[in-house]
């Protein structure tokens, strides 16, 4: 009886560990993109000169200027997608 009890407890512990690992994998968030990557993405897409990069909640606010316009680009920290873009003439 003791061997069966130990086997059941060991099996239960293994199943529990596997369930915890699976739950951790599904709940893990991907790392946010970094400021350097944001700068590279903006330069590739828009050119100009990056004046500032700020972090605000789950967004990056990037200020870019070129010869005629100044842009304020709001990007998601998680994936770099653009959620808002404003421009004004200089």
N, C-alpha and C. Protein backbone atom coordinates (compact mmCIF):
# COMPACT_ATOMS: atom_id res chain seq x y z
N UNK A 1 0.81 -1.19 0.00
CA UNK A 1 0.00 0.00 0.00
C UNK A 1 0.87 1.26 0.00
N UNK A 2 1.98 1.22 0.69
CA UNK A 2 2.85 2.38 0.76
C UNK A 2 3.43 2.71 -0.61
N UNK A 3 3.82 1.71 -1.38
CA UNK A 3 4.39 1.94 -2.69
C UNK A 3 3.37 2.59 -3.62
N UNK A 4 2.12 2.15 -3.56
CA UNK A 4 1.08 2.73 -4.39
C UNK A 4 0.81 4.18 -4.00
N UNK A 5 0.81 4.46 -2.73
CA UNK A 5 0.58 5.81 -2.24
C UNK A 5 1.70 6.74 -2.69
N UNK A 6 2.92 6.27 -2.55
CA UNK A 6 4.06 7.06 -2.98
C UNK A 6 4.02 7.31 -4.49
N UNK A 7 3.65 6.29 -5.24
CA UNK A 7 3.56 6.42 -6.69
C UNK A 7 2.48 7.43 -7.08
N UNK A 8 1.35 7.39 -6.41
CA UNK A 8 0.26 8.33 -6.69
C UNK A 8 0.69 9.75 -6.34
N UNK A 9 1.35 9.93 -5.21
CA UNK A 9 1.82 11.26 -4.79
C UNK A 9 2.87 11.78 -5.78
N UNK A 10 3.81 10.95 -6.18
CA UNK A 10 4.85 11.35 -7.12
C UNK A 10 4.24 11.71 -8.48
N UNK A 11 3.30 10.91 -8.93
CA UNK A 11 2.62 11.19 -10.20
C UNK A 11 1.86 12.51 -10.13
N UNK A 12 1.19 12.72 -9.03
CA UNK A 12 0.45 13.98 -8.84
C UNK A 12 1.39 15.18 -8.84
N UNK A 13 2.54 15.04 -8.20
CA UNK A 13 3.51 16.13 -8.16
C UNK A 13 4.05 16.43 -9.56
N UNK A 14 4.33 15.40 -10.35
CA UNK A 14 4.82 15.60 -11.71
C UNK A 14 3.77 16.30 -12.56
N UNK A 15 2.53 15.87 -12.46
CA UNK A 15 1.44 16.51 -13.22
C UNK A 15 1.28 17.96 -12.79
N UNK A 16 1.37 18.24 -11.51
CA UNK A 16 1.25 19.60 -11.01
C UNK A 16 2.37 20.49 -11.55
N UNK A 17 3.59 19.99 -11.54
CA UNK A 17 4.72 20.76 -12.08
C UNK A 17 4.52 21.04 -13.56
N UNK A 18 4.08 20.07 -14.30
CA UNK A 18 3.83 20.26 -15.74
C UNK A 18 2.75 21.31 -15.96
N UNK A 19 1.68 21.26 -15.19
CA UNK A 19 0.61 22.26 -15.31
C UNK A 19 1.10 23.67 -14.98
N UNK A 20 1.94 23.80 -13.98
CA UNK A 20 2.49 25.11 -13.61
C UNK A 20 3.37 25.65 -14.74
N UNK A 21 4.19 24.81 -15.33
CA UNK A 21 5.05 25.24 -16.42
C UNK A 21 4.22 25.67 -17.63
N UNK A 22 3.22 24.90 -17.97
CA UNK A 22 2.36 25.25 -19.11
C UNK A 22 1.63 26.56 -18.85
N UNK A 23 1.12 26.76 -17.65
CA UNK A 23 0.44 28.01 -17.32
C UNK A 23 1.40 29.19 -17.40
N UNK A 24 2.62 29.03 -16.95
CA UNK A 24 3.61 30.11 -17.00
C UNK A 24 3.94 30.48 -18.44
N UNK A 25 4.03 29.49 -19.31
CA UNK A 25 4.34 29.75 -20.72
C UNK A 25 3.21 30.54 -21.37
N UNK A 26 1.97 30.17 -21.10
CA UNK A 26 0.84 30.86 -21.72
C UNK A 26 0.64 32.26 -21.17
N UNK A 27 1.04 32.52 -19.95
CA UNK A 27 0.84 33.84 -19.35
C UNK A 27 2.03 34.76 -19.55
N UNK A 28 3.13 34.26 -20.04
CA UNK A 28 4.33 35.09 -20.22
C UNK A 28 4.08 36.13 -21.30
N UNK A 29 4.38 37.39 -20.98
CA UNK A 29 4.25 38.47 -21.95
C UNK A 29 5.57 38.61 -22.70
N UNK A 30 5.49 38.91 -23.99
CA UNK A 30 6.75 39.17 -24.69
C UNK A 30 7.37 40.46 -24.16
N UNK A 31 8.69 40.54 -24.25
CA UNK A 31 9.38 41.74 -23.80
C UNK A 31 9.01 42.91 -24.70
N UNK A 32 8.92 44.08 -24.09
CA UNK A 32 8.68 45.29 -24.87
C UNK A 32 9.89 45.59 -25.72
N UNK A 33 9.65 46.26 -26.83
CA UNK A 33 10.78 46.66 -27.66
C UNK A 33 11.50 47.81 -26.96
N UNK A 34 12.77 47.92 -27.19
CA UNK A 34 13.58 48.92 -26.52
C UNK A 34 13.62 50.24 -27.28
N UNK A 35 14.14 51.26 -26.61
CA UNK A 35 14.21 52.59 -27.20
C UNK A 35 15.09 52.61 -28.45
N UNK A 36 16.17 51.85 -28.44
CA UNK A 36 17.04 51.81 -29.62
C UNK A 36 16.30 51.23 -30.83
N UNK A 37 15.49 50.22 -30.59
CA UNK A 37 14.72 49.62 -31.68
C UNK A 37 13.66 50.59 -32.19
N UNK A 38 13.05 51.35 -31.27
CA UNK A 38 12.07 52.36 -31.67
C UNK A 38 12.73 53.42 -32.55
N UNK A 39 13.90 53.87 -32.12
CA UNK A 39 14.63 54.88 -32.92
C UNK A 39 14.93 54.34 -34.32
N UNK A 40 15.38 53.11 -34.41
CA UNK A 40 15.70 52.51 -35.71
C UNK A 40 14.46 52.40 -36.59
N UNK A 41 13.34 52.00 -36.01
CA UNK A 41 12.10 51.86 -36.78
C UNK A 41 11.65 53.21 -37.32
N UNK A 42 11.70 54.24 -36.49
CA UNK A 42 11.26 55.57 -36.91
C UNK A 42 12.19 56.12 -38.01
N UNK A 43 13.49 55.95 -37.83
CA UNK A 43 14.42 56.44 -38.85
C UNK A 43 14.23 55.72 -40.18
N UNK A 44 13.97 54.43 -40.12
CA UNK A 44 13.75 53.65 -41.34
C UNK A 44 12.48 54.10 -42.07
N UNK A 45 11.43 54.36 -41.30
CA UNK A 45 10.13 54.70 -41.91
C UNK A 45 10.04 56.17 -42.32
N UNK A 46 10.59 57.08 -41.50
CA UNK A 46 10.32 58.50 -41.70
C UNK A 46 11.55 59.36 -41.96
N UNK A 47 12.72 58.90 -41.57
CA UNK A 47 13.90 59.73 -41.73
C UNK A 47 13.84 60.93 -40.78
N UNK A 48 14.47 62.01 -41.15
CA UNK A 48 14.47 63.20 -40.31
C UNK A 48 15.38 63.02 -39.10
N UNK A 49 15.21 63.89 -38.13
CA UNK A 49 16.03 63.86 -36.92
C UNK A 49 15.14 63.61 -35.71
N UNK A 50 15.49 62.63 -34.92
CA UNK A 50 14.72 62.32 -33.72
C UNK A 50 15.13 63.32 -32.64
N UNK A 51 14.15 64.08 -32.18
CA UNK A 51 14.39 65.09 -31.15
C UNK A 51 14.32 64.48 -29.75
N UNK A 52 13.36 63.57 -29.53
CA UNK A 52 13.18 62.99 -28.19
C UNK A 52 12.37 61.70 -28.29
N UNK A 53 12.62 60.81 -27.33
CA UNK A 53 11.82 59.60 -27.17
C UNK A 53 11.43 59.52 -25.70
N UNK A 54 10.12 59.49 -25.43
CA UNK A 54 9.62 59.42 -24.06
C UNK A 54 8.83 58.14 -23.88
N UNK A 55 8.81 57.64 -22.66
CA UNK A 55 7.98 56.50 -22.31
C UNK A 55 6.78 57.03 -21.53
N UNK A 56 5.59 56.66 -21.97
CA UNK A 56 4.36 57.09 -21.30
C UNK A 56 3.42 55.89 -21.23
N UNK A 57 3.35 55.27 -20.06
CA UNK A 57 2.52 54.07 -19.91
C UNK A 57 3.03 52.96 -20.81
N UNK A 58 2.17 52.44 -21.65
CA UNK A 58 2.54 51.36 -22.56
C UNK A 58 2.90 51.89 -23.95
N UNK A 59 3.27 53.17 -24.03
CA UNK A 59 3.58 53.78 -25.32
C UNK A 59 4.93 54.51 -25.28
N UNK A 60 5.50 54.64 -26.47
CA UNK A 60 6.64 55.54 -26.68
C UNK A 60 6.09 56.75 -27.43
N UNK A 61 6.51 57.94 -27.04
CA UNK A 61 6.19 59.16 -27.76
C UNK A 61 7.50 59.61 -28.40
N UNK A 62 7.52 59.65 -29.73
CA UNK A 62 8.74 59.99 -30.47
C UNK A 62 8.51 61.31 -31.20
N UNK A 63 9.40 62.26 -30.98
CA UNK A 63 9.33 63.54 -31.67
C UNK A 63 10.42 63.56 -32.75
N UNK A 64 9.98 63.78 -33.99
CA UNK A 64 10.87 63.76 -35.14
C UNK A 64 10.66 65.04 -35.93
N UNK A 65 11.74 65.60 -36.46
CA UNK A 65 11.59 66.78 -37.30
C UNK A 65 12.40 66.59 -38.58
N UNK A 66 11.90 67.20 -39.65
CA UNK A 66 12.66 67.27 -40.89
C UNK A 66 12.68 68.74 -41.31
N UNK A 67 12.94 69.02 -42.56
CA UNK A 67 13.08 70.40 -43.00
C UNK A 67 11.82 71.24 -42.79
N UNK A 68 10.64 70.65 -42.99
CA UNK A 68 9.40 71.42 -42.99
C UNK A 68 8.42 71.06 -41.88
N UNK A 69 8.51 69.86 -41.35
CA UNK A 69 7.50 69.38 -40.41
C UNK A 69 8.12 68.82 -39.14
N UNK A 70 7.31 68.84 -38.10
CA UNK A 70 7.66 68.17 -36.84
C UNK A 70 6.56 67.16 -36.57
N UNK A 71 6.95 65.93 -36.26
CA UNK A 71 6.00 64.85 -36.02
C UNK A 71 6.05 64.41 -34.56
N UNK A 72 4.89 64.01 -34.06
CA UNK A 72 4.82 63.35 -32.76
C UNK A 72 4.16 62.00 -33.01
N UNK A 73 4.94 60.94 -32.86
CA UNK A 73 4.49 59.59 -33.18
C UNK A 73 4.32 58.81 -31.89
N UNK A 74 3.15 58.21 -31.71
CA UNK A 74 2.88 57.38 -30.54
C UNK A 74 2.93 55.93 -30.98
N UNK A 75 3.80 55.16 -30.30
CA UNK A 75 4.00 53.76 -30.67
C UNK A 75 3.77 52.86 -29.46
N UNK A 76 3.23 51.67 -29.70
CA UNK A 76 3.06 50.67 -28.65
C UNK A 76 4.42 50.14 -28.22
N UNK A 77 4.64 50.02 -26.91
CA UNK A 77 5.91 49.48 -26.41
C UNK A 77 6.01 47.99 -26.69
N UNK A 78 4.89 47.32 -26.77
CA UNK A 78 4.90 45.86 -26.94
C UNK A 78 5.38 45.43 -28.31
N UNK A 79 4.88 46.10 -29.36
CA UNK A 79 5.20 45.62 -30.71
C UNK A 79 5.65 46.70 -31.70
N UNK A 80 5.67 47.95 -31.27
CA UNK A 80 6.11 49.02 -32.15
C UNK A 80 5.08 49.54 -33.11
N UNK A 81 3.84 49.09 -32.98
CA UNK A 81 2.81 49.58 -33.89
C UNK A 81 2.47 51.04 -33.56
N UNK A 82 2.14 51.80 -34.58
CA UNK A 82 1.83 53.21 -34.42
C UNK A 82 0.35 53.36 -34.08
N UNK A 83 0.06 54.05 -32.99
CA UNK A 83 -1.31 54.24 -32.56
C UNK A 83 -1.80 55.66 -32.84
N UNK A 84 -0.86 56.61 -32.99
CA UNK A 84 -1.25 57.99 -33.26
C UNK A 84 -0.06 58.72 -33.89
N UNK A 85 -0.38 59.68 -34.73
CA UNK A 85 0.67 60.48 -35.36
C UNK A 85 0.14 61.87 -35.61
N UNK A 86 0.85 62.86 -35.11
CA UNK A 86 0.47 64.25 -35.31
C UNK A 86 1.63 64.96 -35.98
N UNK A 87 1.30 65.94 -36.82
CA UNK A 87 2.35 66.72 -37.46
C UNK A 87 1.98 68.19 -37.43
N UNK A 88 3.01 69.03 -37.49
CA UNK A 88 2.78 70.46 -37.59
C UNK A 88 3.92 71.06 -38.42
N UNK A 89 3.62 72.14 -39.11
CA UNK A 89 4.63 72.81 -39.91
C UNK A 89 5.55 73.62 -39.03
N UNK A 90 6.80 73.67 -39.42
CA UNK A 90 7.79 74.47 -38.69
C UNK A 90 7.84 75.88 -39.22
